[in-house]
Amino acid sequence: MKSVQKVAVFDIDGTIIRSSLFVELTEELVRRKILPHIAKDEYEAQHKRWIEREGNYDDYIWAMVRSFKKNIKGVYYGDVADTAKDVVKEQKKRTYRYTRDLIQDLKKKGYFLLAISHSPKTILDYFCPTMGFDKAYGFLYDIGPEDNFTGEVIDEHLMANKANILKRAIEKQGLTLKGSIGVGDTESDIAFLELVENPICFNPNSKLYRHAKREKWRVVVERKDVVYEL
């Protein structure tokens, strides 16, 4: 009887990539005038609050998601895909050493590598194969008959909950949670971290860190060229 493959699930932005694929893509689309400058205005206030440590990262990112969804309507898919490809070329080596090495180690051990992100699937499909992922889930923006975005997100409610995505992947890919590993960096990752046997909170924000302390989860921090556990 064939053994069931173990799964290792990773968030991407801020967990593997030191920046954020979604942020870099959105900013580049604005720079190239593929998205209007007003799109930046719609999330800049939350970005400023986060930079000045008056707001939190998730509020900033979800403001950007709302702006992206609103302003992507009517944009030609090829323009976004070309931009995504260029962003990945620039960002693909700007990764954290800890998660990069962990991915390579788990790949050798036969784990099914699963990426779950709130970044658009378009950019994940360029980045994740370079890291060795077997499957990537991200926001899938609907495309109309003339290859222009409609502004709608396919299965939006499912994609907003990373635990539901993990459950779907396990069912579709025939995986097991026995011996499973999960790595995330913010409270939006708690949902899938609660499902795996070995959750790892990597460079966590304050909400995830507090939750990790209560649950006695591993907390790993990488600062400059030093990796240590709290």
Protein backbone atom coordinates (compact mmCIF):
# COMPACT_ATOMS: atom_id res chain seq x y z
CA MET A 1 0.00 0.00 0.00
CA LYS A 2 1.35 3.41 -1.00
CA SER A 3 2.22 5.64 1.97
CA VAL A 4 0.46 8.99 2.26
CA GLN A 5 2.73 11.98 1.75
CA LYS A 6 3.37 14.41 4.60
CA VAL A 7 2.68 18.09 4.00
CA ALA A 8 4.68 21.20 4.85
CA VAL A 9 2.73 24.42 4.39
CA PHE A 10 4.27 27.87 4.18
CA ASP A 11 3.06 31.43 4.01
CA ILE A 12 5.13 33.37 1.45
CA ASP A 13 5.22 37.11 2.09
CA GLY A 14 7.38 37.96 5.09
CA THR A 15 7.94 34.25 5.73
CA ILE A 16 10.07 33.28 2.74
CA ILE A 17 10.37 36.56 0.84
CA ARG A 18 11.88 39.27 3.05
CA SER A 19 9.51 41.76 1.50
CA SER A 20 6.09 40.88 0.03
CA LEU A 21 5.41 39.70 -3.49
CA PHE A 22 1.98 41.32 -3.34
CA VAL A 23 3.33 44.66 -2.16
CA GLU A 24 6.16 44.66 -4.71
CA LEU A 25 3.76 43.71 -7.53
CA THR A 26 1.20 46.36 -6.62
CA GLU A 27 3.82 49.09 -6.27
CA GLU A 28 5.39 48.16 -9.60
CA LEU A 29 2.01 48.17 -11.34
CA VAL A 30 1.47 51.70 -10.04
CA ARG A 31 4.97 52.76 -11.15
CA ARG A 32 4.27 51.41 -14.64
CA LYS A 33 0.88 53.20 -14.66
CA ILE A 34 -0.89 49.88 -15.22
CA LEU A 35 -2.78 50.66 -12.02
CA PRO A 36 -3.81 54.31 -11.47
CA HIS A 37 -1.95 56.32 -8.84
CA ILE A 38 -5.20 56.62 -6.88
CA ALA A 39 -4.79 52.92 -6.07
CA LYS A 40 -1.75 53.83 -3.94
CA ASP A 41 -3.66 56.65 -2.25
CA GLU A 42 -6.25 54.14 -1.08
CA TYR A 43 -3.79 52.14 1.04
CA GLU A 44 -1.06 54.71 1.76
CA ALA A 45 -2.64 55.92 5.01
CA GLN A 46 -2.59 52.39 6.46
CA HIS A 47 0.96 51.92 5.19
CA LYS A 48 2.03 55.11 6.99
CA ARG A 49 0.33 53.95 10.21
CA TRP A 50 2.16 50.63 10.03
CA ILE A 51 5.56 52.21 9.25
CA GLU A 52 5.13 54.58 12.20
CA ARG A 53 4.06 51.67 14.46
CA GLU A 54 0.61 53.13 15.04
CA GLY A 55 -1.26 50.51 13.00
CA ASN A 56 -0.77 46.84 12.19
CA TYR A 57 0.49 45.08 9.09
CA ASP A 58 -2.70 43.16 8.37
CA ASP A 59 -4.74 46.41 8.20
CA TYR A 60 -2.23 47.74 5.68
CA ILE A 61 -2.26 44.59 3.55
CA TRP A 62 -6.04 44.26 3.50
CA ALA A 63 -6.33 47.93 2.49
CA MET A 64 -4.00 47.12 -0.39
CA VAL A 65 -6.03 44.01 -1.30
CA ARG A 66 -9.22 46.10 -1.46
CA SER A 67 -7.49 48.72 -3.61
CA PHE A 68 -5.99 46.08 -5.92
CA LYS A 69 -9.35 44.36 -6.40
CA LYS A 70 -11.08 47.66 -7.14
CA ASN A 71 -8.48 49.02 -9.57
CA ILE A 72 -7.50 45.83 -11.39
CA LYS A 73 -10.86 45.79 -13.19
CA GLY A 74 -10.33 46.22 -16.95
CA VAL A 75 -6.54 45.74 -16.78
CA TYR A 76 -5.08 43.38 -19.39
CA TYR A 77 -3.85 40.11 -17.88
CA GLY A 78 -0.65 40.09 -19.96
CA ASP A 79 0.48 43.41 -18.47
CA VAL A 80 0.13 42.04 -14.94
CA ALA A 81 1.80 38.74 -15.84
CA ASP A 82 4.80 40.52 -17.41
CA THR A 83 5.13 42.74 -14.35
CA ALA A 84 4.87 39.75 -12.03
CA LYS A 85 7.62 37.96 -13.94
CA ASP A 86 9.92 40.98 -13.59
CA VAL A 87 9.18 41.34 -9.87
CA VAL A 88 10.03 37.68 -9.26
CA LYS A 89 13.32 38.05 -11.14
CA GLU A 90 14.22 40.87 -8.77
CA GLN A 91 12.92 39.33 -5.55
CA LYS A 92 13.49 35.57 -5.87
CA LYS A 93 16.86 35.59 -4.08
CA ARG A 94 15.79 38.05 -1.40
CA THR A 95 14.66 35.29 0.91
CA TYR A 96 15.20 34.38 4.53
CA ARG A 97 17.95 31.84 5.08
CA TYR A 98 16.02 29.85 7.69
CA THR A 99 12.92 29.16 5.59
CA ARG A 100 14.92 28.71 2.39
CA ASP A 101 17.07 26.02 4.04
CA LEU A 102 14.04 24.42 5.73
CA ILE A 103 12.27 24.10 2.38
CA GLN A 104 15.30 22.40 0.84
CA ASP A 105 15.59 20.01 3.78
CA LEU A 106 11.90 19.07 3.74
CA LYS A 107 12.03 18.55 -0.03
CA LYS A 108 14.83 16.02 0.44
CA LYS A 109 12.75 14.26 3.10
CA GLY A 110 9.87 13.79 0.68
CA TYR A 111 7.41 16.35 2.01
CA PHE A 112 4.72 17.80 -0.23
CA LEU A 113 5.49 21.52 -0.22
CA LEU A 114 2.40 23.71 -0.18
CA ALA A 115 2.31 27.51 -0.37
CA ILE A 116 -0.73 29.42 0.88
CA SER A 117 -0.68 33.16 0.35
CA HIS A 118 -2.93 36.17 -0.04
CA SER A 119 -0.79 37.30 -2.98
CA PRO A 120 -2.28 36.95 -6.47
CA LYS A 121 -1.79 33.47 -7.89
CA THR A 122 -0.29 35.01 -11.03
CA ILE A 123 2.89 36.02 -9.21
CA LEU A 124 2.98 32.88 -7.03
CA ASP A 125 3.04 30.74 -10.17
CA TYR A 126 6.30 32.43 -11.18
CA PHE A 127 7.91 32.42 -7.73
CA CYS A 128 6.90 29.16 -6.04
CA PRO A 129 8.38 26.72 -8.60
CA THR A 130 11.78 28.41 -8.16
CA MET A 131 11.65 27.37 -4.48
CA GLY A 132 10.54 23.79 -5.15
CA PHE A 133 6.89 24.05 -4.12
CA ASP A 134 4.54 21.38 -5.39
CA LYS A 135 1.39 23.51 -5.19
CA ALA A 136 0.58 27.17 -4.54
CA TYR A 137 -2.73 28.72 -3.54
CA GLY A 138 -3.30 32.46 -3.84
CA PHE A 139 -5.99 34.95 -4.71
CA LEU A 140 -7.28 34.04 -8.17
CA TYR A 141 -8.59 37.16 -9.89
CA ASP A 142 -11.24 36.47 -12.52
CA ILE A 143 -10.44 37.20 -16.18
CA GLY A 144 -13.05 38.08 -18.80
CA PRO A 145 -13.30 36.81 -22.39
CA GLU A 146 -10.88 39.45 -23.71
CA ASP A 147 -8.20 38.65 -21.09
CA ASN A 148 -9.06 41.67 -18.95
CA PHE A 149 -9.60 41.37 -15.20
CA THR A 150 -13.23 41.62 -14.08
CA GLY A 151 -12.41 42.80 -10.55
CA GLU A 152 -13.87 39.66 -8.99
CA VAL A 153 -11.98 37.08 -6.93
CA ILE A 154 -12.80 33.40 -7.52
CA ASP A 155 -13.76 31.59 -4.27
CA GLU A 156 -12.90 34.72 -2.28
CA HIS A 157 -14.33 33.48 1.03
CA LEU A 158 -12.42 30.21 0.76
CA MET A 159 -9.17 31.98 -0.06
CA ALA A 160 -9.49 34.35 2.90
CA ASN A 161 -9.29 31.40 5.33
CA LYS A 162 -6.00 29.55 5.05
CA ALA A 163 -7.25 26.59 7.11
CA ASN A 164 -9.93 25.88 4.51
CA ILE A 165 -7.33 25.99 1.76
CA LEU A 166 -5.12 23.52 3.61
CA LYS A 167 -8.06 21.16 4.14
CA ARG A 168 -8.91 21.33 0.44
CA ALA A 169 -5.28 20.65 -0.56
CA ILE A 170 -5.07 17.63 1.75
CA GLU A 171 -8.22 16.17 0.24
CA LYS A 172 -7.31 16.90 -3.39
CA GLN A 173 -3.66 15.84 -3.16
CA GLY A 174 -4.16 12.83 -0.86
CA LEU A 175 -1.91 14.18 1.91
CA THR A 176 -1.71 13.57 5.66
CA LEU A 177 -1.39 15.95 8.59
CA LYS A 178 0.61 13.35 10.49
CA GLY A 179 4.09 14.80 10.92
CA SER A 180 2.96 17.99 9.17
CA ILE A 181 4.83 21.30 9.46
CA GLY A 182 3.54 24.83 9.05
CA VAL A 183 5.38 28.15 8.94
CA GLY A 184 3.78 31.60 9.14
CA ASP A 185 4.49 35.12 10.37
CA THR A 186 1.18 36.90 11.14
CA GLU A 187 -2.18 36.20 12.76
CA SER A 188 -3.71 35.39 9.36
CA ASP A 189 -1.59 32.20 9.47
CA ILE A 190 -2.99 31.01 12.82
CA ALA A 191 -5.82 29.15 11.10
CA PHE A 192 -3.52 26.74 9.27
CA LEU A 193 -0.90 26.61 12.03
CA GLU A 194 -3.58 25.20 14.35
CA LEU A 195 -4.08 22.27 11.96
CA VAL A 196 -0.47 21.10 11.59
CA GLU A 197 1.42 18.96 14.10
CA ASN A 198 4.50 21.19 14.12
CA PRO A 199 3.66 24.91 13.84
CA ILE A 200 6.56 27.34 13.51
CA CYS A 201 6.06 31.07 14.01
CA PHE A 202 8.80 32.76 12.03
CA ASN A 203 9.56 36.43 12.72
CA PRO A 204 6.02 36.72 14.12
CA ASN A 205 4.13 39.95 14.59
CA SER A 206 2.82 40.70 18.09
CA LYS A 207 -0.58 39.01 17.66
CA LEU A 208 0.92 35.77 16.39
CA TYR A 209 3.68 35.89 19.01
CA ARG A 210 1.17 36.18 21.86
CA HIS A 211 -0.85 33.29 20.42
CA ALA A 212 2.31 31.21 20.01
CA LYS A 213 3.27 31.77 23.66
CA ARG A 214 -0.17 30.60 24.82
CA GLU A 215 -0.05 27.52 22.62
CA LYS A 216 3.66 26.82 23.29
CA TRP A 217 4.47 26.89 19.58
CA ARG A 218 8.03 27.24 18.29
CA VAL A 219 9.09 30.83 17.64
CA VAL A 220 12.06 31.36 15.33
CA VAL A 221 13.61 34.73 14.59
CA GLU A 222 16.10 35.63 11.88
CA ARG A 223 17.83 38.95 12.38
CA LYS A 224 20.54 39.94 9.88
CA ASP A 225 22.62 36.71 9.63
CA VAL A 226 21.58 35.22 13.00
CA VAL A 227 18.79 32.65 13.49
CA TYR A 228 17.60 31.90 17.01
CA GLU A 229 14.58 30.52 18.91
CA LEU A 230 12.69 32.38 21.61
